[in-house]
Amino acid sequence: MRRRLATMVLATMAACTALLPAVMAAGPEDDVAAATRAWVEAYNSRDPQKILSLYSPDAVFWGTSSPTRGT
């Protein structure tokens, strides 16, 4: 039983170690691309709550070129 547990722990550690370089390789460009994809998906869902969830609770939204003010 202990040997099986030790094998599982070592296998999990090896898998995490193998994935570490890919996670560390992500840079600012990847972060911006991921945030942009998340925003586009939220916008395309037409769900205001999904869009709002991507912003800070104290965010200030400025008007657009729309002739009317949204609520």
PDB file of N, CA and C in Angstrom:
ATOM      1  N   MET A   1       0.825  -1.189   0.000  1.00  0.00           N
ATOM      2  CA  MET A   1       0.000   0.000   0.000  1.00  0.00           C
ATOM      3  C   MET A   1       0.873   1.257   0.000  1.00  0.00           C
ATOM      4  N   ARG A   2       1.898   1.270   0.861  1.00  0.00           N
ATOM      5  CA  ARG A   2       2.778   2.439   0.915  1.00  0.00           C
ATOM      6  C   ARG A   2       3.564   2.601  -0.381  1.00  0.00           C
ATOM      7  N   ARG A   3       3.950   1.503  -0.951  1.00  0.00           N
ATOM      8  CA  ARG A   3       4.717   1.566  -2.200  1.00  0.00           C
ATOM      9  C   ARG A   3       3.840   2.150  -3.312  1.00  0.00           C
ATOM     10  N   ARG A   4       2.582   1.758  -3.338  1.00  0.00           N
ATOM     11  CA  ARG A   4       1.654   2.276  -4.350  1.00  0.00           C
ATOM     12  C   ARG A   4       1.445   3.775  -4.159  1.00  0.00           C
ATOM     13  N   LEU A   5       1.289   4.201  -2.920  1.00  0.00           N
ATOM     14  CA  LEU A   5       1.113   5.624  -2.618  1.00  0.00           C
ATOM     15  C   LEU A   5       2.362   6.409  -3.011  1.00  0.00           C
ATOM     16  N   ALA A   6       3.522   5.866  -2.688  1.00  0.00           N
ATOM     17  CA  ALA A   6       4.776   6.534  -3.040  1.00  0.00           C
ATOM     18  C   ALA A   6       4.912   6.652  -4.556  1.00  0.00           C
ATOM     19  N   THR A   7       4.524   5.620  -5.281  1.00  0.00           N
ATOM     20  CA  THR A   7       4.584   5.652  -6.738  1.00  0.00           C
ATOM     21  C   THR A   7       3.652   6.720  -7.294  1.00  0.00           C
ATOM     22  N   MET A   8       2.460   6.818  -6.719  1.00  0.00           N
ATOM     23  CA  MET A   8       1.500   7.828  -7.176  1.00  0.00           C
ATOM     24  C   MET A   8       2.007   9.236  -6.891  1.00  0.00           C
ATOM     25  N   VAL A   9       2.603   9.434  -5.735  1.00  0.00           N
ATOM     26  CA  VAL A   9       3.139  10.752  -5.381  1.00  0.00           C
ATOM     27  C   VAL A   9       4.276  11.121  -6.320  1.00  0.00           C
ATOM     28  N   LEU A  10       5.172  10.195  -6.571  1.00  0.00           N
ATOM     29  CA  LEU A  10       6.287  10.471  -7.477  1.00  0.00           C
ATOM     30  C   LEU A  10       5.801  10.744  -8.897  1.00  0.00           C
ATOM     31  N   ALA A  11       4.804  10.007  -9.347  1.00  0.00           N
ATOM     32  CA  ALA A  11       4.266  10.229 -10.686  1.00  0.00           C
ATOM     33  C   ALA A  11       3.621  11.606 -10.791  1.00  0.00           C
ATOM     34  N   THR A  12       2.911  12.009  -9.744  1.00  0.00           N
ATOM     35  CA  THR A  12       2.288  13.330  -9.730  1.00  0.00           C
ATOM     36  C   THR A  12       3.352  14.422  -9.735  1.00  0.00           C
ATOM     37  N   MET A  13       4.382  14.251  -8.945  1.00  0.00           N
ATOM     38  CA  MET A  13       5.465  15.236  -8.902  1.00  0.00           C
ATOM     39  C   MET A  13       6.172  15.328 -10.256  1.00  0.00           C
ATOM     40  N   ALA A  14       6.378  14.198 -10.908  1.00  0.00           N
ATOM     41  CA  ALA A  14       7.031  14.197 -12.214  1.00  0.00           C
ATOM     42  C   ALA A  14       6.170  14.924 -13.244  1.00  0.00           C
ATOM     43  N   ALA A  15       4.877  14.701 -13.190  1.00  0.00           N
ATOM     44  CA  ALA A  15       3.977  15.366 -14.131  1.00  0.00           C
ATOM     45  C   ALA A  15       3.982  16.876 -13.902  1.00  0.00           C
ATOM     46  N   CYS A  16       3.944  17.289 -12.653  1.00  0.00           N
ATOM     47  CA  CYS A  16       3.970  18.730 -12.345  1.00  0.00           C
ATOM     48  C   CYS A  16       5.292  19.353 -12.775  1.00  0.00           C
ATOM     49  N   THR A  17       6.382  18.654 -12.569  1.00  0.00           N
ATOM     50  CA  THR A  17       7.692  19.158 -12.959  1.00  0.00           C
ATOM     51  C   THR A  17       7.787  19.272 -14.480  1.00  0.00           C
ATOM     52  N   ALA A  18       7.190  18.339 -15.191  1.00  0.00           N
ATOM     53  CA  ALA A  18       7.227  18.384 -16.652  1.00  0.00           C
ATOM     54  C   ALA A  18       6.434  19.562 -17.191  1.00  0.00           C
ATOM     55  N   LEU A  19       5.374  19.962 -16.505  1.00  0.00           N
ATOM     56  CA  LEU A  19       4.538  21.080 -16.954  1.00  0.00           C
ATOM     57  C   LEU A  19       5.082  22.429 -16.534  1.00  0.00           C
ATOM     58  N   LEU A  20       5.960  22.476 -15.558  1.00  0.00           N
ATOM     59  CA  LEU A  20       6.463  23.726 -15.021  1.00  0.00           C
ATOM     60  C   LEU A  20       7.096  24.638 -16.072  1.00  0.00           C
ATOM     61  N   PRO A  21       7.960  24.152 -16.968  1.00  0.00           N
ATOM     62  CA  PRO A  21       8.549  25.065 -17.953  1.00  0.00           C
ATOM     63  C   PRO A  21       7.506  25.740 -18.842  1.00  0.00           C
ATOM     64  N   ALA A  22       6.454  25.051 -19.189  1.00  0.00           N
ATOM     65  CA  ALA A  22       5.421  25.650 -20.028  1.00  0.00           C
ATOM     66  C   ALA A  22       4.716  26.773 -19.292  1.00  0.00           C
ATOM     67  N   VAL A  23       4.480  26.604 -18.016  1.00  0.00           N
ATOM     68  CA  VAL A  23       3.825  27.634 -17.219  1.00  0.00           C
ATOM     69  C   VAL A  23       4.759  28.821 -17.042  1.00  0.00           C
ATOM     70  N   MET A  24       6.017  28.557 -16.803  1.00  0.00           N
ATOM     71  CA  MET A  24       6.979  29.628 -16.594  1.00  0.00           C
ATOM     72  C   MET A  24       7.286  30.381 -17.886  1.00  0.00           C
ATOM     73  N   ALA A  25       7.096  29.741 -19.032  1.00  0.00           N
ATOM     74  CA  ALA A  25       7.410  30.372 -20.309  1.00  0.00           C
ATOM     75  C   ALA A  25       6.386  31.431 -20.691  1.00  0.00           C
ATOM     76  N   ALA A  26       5.225  31.407 -20.073  1.00  0.00           N
ATOM     77  CA  ALA A  26       4.196  32.393 -20.406  1.00  0.00           C
ATOM     78  C   ALA A  26       4.699  33.778 -20.025  1.00  0.00           C
ATOM     79  N   GLY A  27       4.533  34.697 -20.946  1.00  0.00           N
ATOM     80  CA  GLY A  27       4.996  36.053 -20.708  1.00  0.00           C
ATOM     81  C   GLY A  27       3.859  37.039 -20.773  1.00  0.00           C
ATOM     82  N   PRO A  28       4.179  38.322 -20.742  1.00  0.00           N
ATOM     83  CA  PRO A  28       3.139  39.350 -20.785  1.00  0.00           C
ATOM     84  C   PRO A  28       2.242  39.245 -22.014  1.00  0.00           C
ATOM     85  N   GLU A  29       2.824  38.893 -23.148  1.00  0.00           N
ATOM     86  CA  GLU A  29       2.010  38.764 -24.367  1.00  0.00           C
ATOM     87  C   GLU A  29       0.957  37.671 -24.211  1.00  0.00           C
ATOM     88  N   ASP A  30       1.352  36.562 -23.586  1.00  0.00           N
ATOM     89  CA  ASP A  30       0.416  35.457 -23.355  1.00  0.00           C
ATOM     90  C   ASP A  30      -0.680  35.875 -22.383  1.00  0.00           C
ATOM     91  N   ASP A  31      -0.310  36.642 -21.369  1.00  0.00           N
ATOM     92  CA  ASP A  31      -1.294  37.124 -20.394  1.00  0.00           C
ATOM     93  C   ASP A  31      -2.322  38.036 -21.068  1.00  0.00           C
ATOM     94  N   VAL A  32      -1.830  38.938 -21.913  1.00  0.00           N
ATOM     95  CA  VAL A  32      -2.731  39.854 -22.611  1.00  0.00           C
ATOM     96  C   VAL A  32      -3.632  39.085 -23.568  1.00  0.00           C
ATOM     97  N   ALA A  33      -3.068  38.118 -24.275  1.00  0.00           N
ATOM     98  CA  ALA A  33      -3.870  37.320 -25.205  1.00  0.00           C
ATOM     99  C   ALA A  33      -4.952  36.544 -24.465  1.00  0.00           C
ATOM    100  N   ALA A  34      -4.611  35.969 -23.315  1.00  0.00           N
ATOM    101  CA  ALA A  34      -5.594  35.210 -22.533  1.00  0.00           C
ATOM    102  C   ALA A  34      -6.693  36.124 -22.002  1.00  0.00           C
ATOM    103  N   ALA A  35      -6.320  37.307 -21.522  1.00  0.00           N
ATOM    104  CA  ALA A  35      -7.322  38.249 -21.013  1.00  0.00           C
ATOM    105  C   ALA A  35      -8.230  38.730 -22.140  1.00  0.00           C
ATOM    106  N   THR A  36      -7.659  38.951 -23.307  1.00  0.00           N
ATOM    107  CA  THR A  36      -8.458  39.388 -24.452  1.00  0.00           C
ATOM    108  C   THR A  36      -9.432  38.302 -24.874  1.00  0.00           C
ATOM    109  N   ARG A  37      -8.957  37.057 -24.919  1.00  0.00           N
ATOM    110  CA  ARG A  37      -9.851  35.941 -25.270  1.00  0.00           C
ATOM    111  C   ARG A  37     -10.991  35.823 -24.265  1.00  0.00           C
ATOM    112  N   ALA A  38     -10.687  35.971 -22.989  1.00  0.00           N
ATOM    113  CA  ALA A  38     -11.726  35.877 -21.952  1.00  0.00           C
ATOM    114  C   ALA A  38     -12.750  36.987 -22.130  1.00  0.00           C
ATOM    115  N   TRP A  39     -12.280  38.201 -22.449  1.00  0.00           N
ATOM    116  CA  TRP A  39     -13.202  39.324 -22.613  1.00  0.00           C
ATOM    117  C   TRP A  39     -14.074  39.107 -23.845  1.00  0.00           C
ATOM    118  N   VAL A  40     -13.489  38.655 -24.950  1.00  0.00           N
ATOM    119  CA  VAL A  40     -14.271  38.413 -26.176  1.00  0.00           C
ATOM    120  C   VAL A  40     -15.335  37.344 -25.924  1.00  0.00           C
ATOM    121  N   GLU A  41     -14.958  36.281 -25.237  1.00  0.00           N
ATOM    122  CA  GLU A  41     -15.927  35.223 -24.927  1.00  0.00           C
ATOM    123  C   GLU A  41     -17.053  35.765 -24.058  1.00  0.00           C
ATOM    124  N   ALA A  42     -16.715  36.574 -23.061  1.00  0.00           N
ATOM    125  CA  ALA A  42     -17.745  37.154 -22.190  1.00  0.00           C
ATOM    126  C   ALA A  42     -18.641  38.090 -22.990  1.00  0.00           C
ATOM    127  N   TYR A  43     -18.056  38.924 -23.831  1.00  0.00           N
ATOM    128  CA  TYR A  43     -18.830  39.867 -24.639  1.00  0.00           C
ATOM    129  C   TYR A  43     -19.764  39.120 -25.594  1.00  0.00           C
ATOM    130  N   ASN A  44     -19.239  38.110 -26.253  1.00  0.00           N
ATOM    131  CA  ASN A  44     -20.052  37.350 -27.203  1.00  0.00           C
ATOM    132  C   ASN A  44     -21.154  36.540 -26.542  1.00  0.00           C
ATOM    133  N   SER A  45     -21.043  36.319 -25.244  1.00  0.00           N
ATOM    134  CA  SER A  45     -22.093  35.581 -24.533  1.00  0.00           C
ATOM    135  C   SER A  45     -23.332  36.452 -24.329  1.00  0.00           C
ATOM    136  N   ARG A  46     -23.170  37.762 -24.500  1.00  0.00           N
ATOM    137  CA  ARG A  46     -24.256  38.736 -24.294  1.00  0.00           C
ATOM    138  C   ARG A  46     -24.790  38.706 -22.855  1.00  0.00           C
ATOM    139  N   ASP A  47     -23.915  38.319 -21.941  1.00  0.00           N
ATOM    140  CA  ASP A  47     -24.271  38.254 -20.529  1.00  0.00           C
ATOM    141  C   ASP A  47     -23.490  39.340 -19.786  1.00  0.00           C
ATOM    142  N   PRO A  48     -24.152  40.442 -19.409  1.00  0.00           N
ATOM    143  CA  PRO A  48     -23.439  41.539 -18.749  1.00  0.00           C
ATOM    144  C   PRO A  48     -22.687  41.105 -17.491  1.00  0.00           C
ATOM    145  N   GLN A  49     -23.223  40.153 -16.757  1.00  0.00           N
ATOM    146  CA  GLN A  49     -22.553  39.711 -15.531  1.00  0.00           C
ATOM    147  C   GLN A  49     -21.212  39.055 -15.846  1.00  0.00           C
ATOM    148  N   LYS A  50     -21.128  38.320 -16.961  1.00  0.00           N
ATOM    149  CA  LYS A  50     -19.853  37.700 -17.341  1.00  0.00           C
ATOM    150  C   LYS A  50     -18.824  38.767 -17.685  1.00  0.00           C
ATOM    151  N   ILE A  51     -19.267  39.821 -18.355  1.00  0.00           N
ATOM    152  CA  ILE A  51     -18.354  40.908 -18.696  1.00  0.00           C
ATOM    153  C   ILE A  51     -17.916  41.627 -17.426  1.00  0.00           C
ATOM    154  N   LEU A  52     -18.869  41.965 -16.578  1.00  0.00           N
ATOM    155  CA  LEU A  52     -18.542  42.687 -15.346  1.00  0.00           C
ATOM    156  C   LEU A  52     -17.614  41.896 -14.436  1.00  0.00           C
ATOM    157  N   SER A  53     -17.706  40.580 -14.482  1.00  0.00           N
ATOM    158  CA  SER A  53     -16.861  39.761 -13.611  1.00  0.00           C
ATOM    159  C   SER A  53     -15.380  39.881 -13.966  1.00  0.00           C
ATOM    160  N   LEU A  54     -15.084  40.388 -15.152  1.00  0.00           N
ATOM    161  CA  LEU A  54     -13.690  40.540 -15.574  1.00  0.00           C
ATOM    162  C   LEU A  54     -13.063  41.843 -15.081  1.00  0.00           C
ATOM    163  N   TYR A  55     -13.863  42.695 -14.476  1.00  0.00           N
ATOM    164  CA  TYR A  55     -13.394  43.997 -14.020  1.00  0.00           C
ATOM    165  C   TYR A  55     -13.363  44.068 -12.500  1.00  0.00           C
ATOM    166  N   SER A  56     -12.584  44.978 -11.993  1.00  0.00           N
ATOM    167  CA  SER A  56     -12.518  45.240 -10.563  1.00  0.00           C
ATOM    168  C   SER A  56     -13.865  45.780 -10.095  1.00  0.00           C
ATOM    169  N   PRO A  57     -14.299  45.447  -8.885  1.00  0.00           N
ATOM    170  CA  PRO A  57     -15.590  45.947  -8.389  1.00  0.00           C
ATOM    171  C   PRO A  57     -15.676  47.472  -8.356  1.00  0.00           C
ATOM    172  N   ASP A  58     -14.544  48.156  -8.236  1.00  0.00           N
ATOM    173  CA  ASP A  58     -14.577  49.612  -8.198  1.00  0.00           C
ATOM    174  C   ASP A  58     -14.167  50.257  -9.530  1.00  0.00           C
ATOM    175  N   ALA A  59     -14.270  49.489 -10.615  1.00  0.00           N
ATOM    176  CA  ALA A  59     -13.922  50.025 -11.940  1.00  0.00           C
ATOM    177  C   ALA A  59     -14.891  51.136 -12.334  1.00  0.00           C
ATOM    178  N   VAL A  60     -14.378  52.080 -13.096  1.00  0.00           N
ATOM    179  CA  VAL A  60     -15.189  53.182 -13.598  1.00  0.00           C
ATOM    180  C   VAL A  60     -15.301  53.010 -15.110  1.00  0.00           C
ATOM    181  N   PHE A  61     -16.519  52.980 -15.613  1.00  0.00           N
ATOM    182  CA  PHE A  61     -16.736  52.819 -17.042  1.00  0.00           C
ATOM    183  C   PHE A  61     -17.041  54.177 -17.654  1.00  0.00           C
ATOM    184  N   TRP A  62     -16.280  54.539 -18.664  1.00  0.00           N
ATOM    185  CA  TRP A  62     -16.473  55.802 -19.365  1.00  0.00           C
ATOM    186  C   TRP A  62     -17.367  55.579 -20.567  1.00  0.00           C
ATOM    187  N   GLY A  63     -18.044  56.606 -20.965  1.00  0.00           N
ATOM    188  CA  GLY A  63     -18.956  56.529 -22.098  1.00  0.00           C
ATOM    189  C   GLY A  63     -18.257  56.200 -23.405  1.00  0.00           C
ATOM    190  N   THR A  64     -19.037  55.789 -24.367  1.00  0.00           N
ATOM    191  CA  THR A  64     -18.530  55.493 -25.698  1.00  0.00           C
ATOM    192  C   THR A  64     -19.015  56.594 -26.632  1.00  0.00           C
ATOM    193  N   SER A  65     -18.994  56.313 -27.893  1.00  0.00           N
ATOM    194  CA  SER A  65     -19.482  57.297 -28.858  1.00  0.00           C
ATOM    195  C   SER A  65     -20.995  57.200 -29.042  1.00  0.00           C
ATOM    196  N   SER A  66     -21.652  56.404 -28.211  1.00  0.00           N
ATOM    197  CA  SER A  66     -23.098  56.257 -28.287  1.00  0.00           C
ATOM    198  C   SER A  66     -23.784  57.579 -27.942  1.00  0.00           C
ATOM    199  N   PRO A  67     -24.861  57.924 -28.681  1.00  0.00           N
ATOM    200  CA  PRO A  67     -25.571  59.164 -28.392  1.00  0.00           C
ATOM    201  C   PRO A  67     -26.407  59.075 -27.111  1.00  0.00           C
ATOM    202  N   THR A  68     -26.587  57.862 -26.562  1.00  0.00           N
ATOM    203  CA  THR A  68     -27.362  57.712 -25.337  1.00  0.00           C
ATOM    204  C   THR A  68     -26.503  57.062 -24.273  1.00  0.00           C
ATOM    205  N   ARG A  69     -26.886  57.307 -23.035  1.00  0.00           N
ATOM    206  CA  ARG A  69     -26.152  56.718 -21.919  1.00  0.00           C
ATOM    207  C   ARG A  69     -26.796  55.406 -21.531  1.00  0.00           C
ATOM    208  N   GLY A  70     -25.998  54.352 -21.411  1.00  0.00           N
ATOM    209  CA  GLY A  70     -26.494  53.047 -20.967  1.00  0.00           C
ATOM    210  C   GLY A  70     -26.712  53.030 -19.478  1.00  0.00           C
ATOM    211  N   THR A  71     -27.481  52.054 -19.005  1.00  0.00           N
ATOM    212  CA  THR A  71     -27.708  51.957 -17.558  1.00  0.00           C
ATOM    213  C   THR A  71     -27.040  50.753 -17.006  1.00  0.00           C
TER     214      THR A  71
END
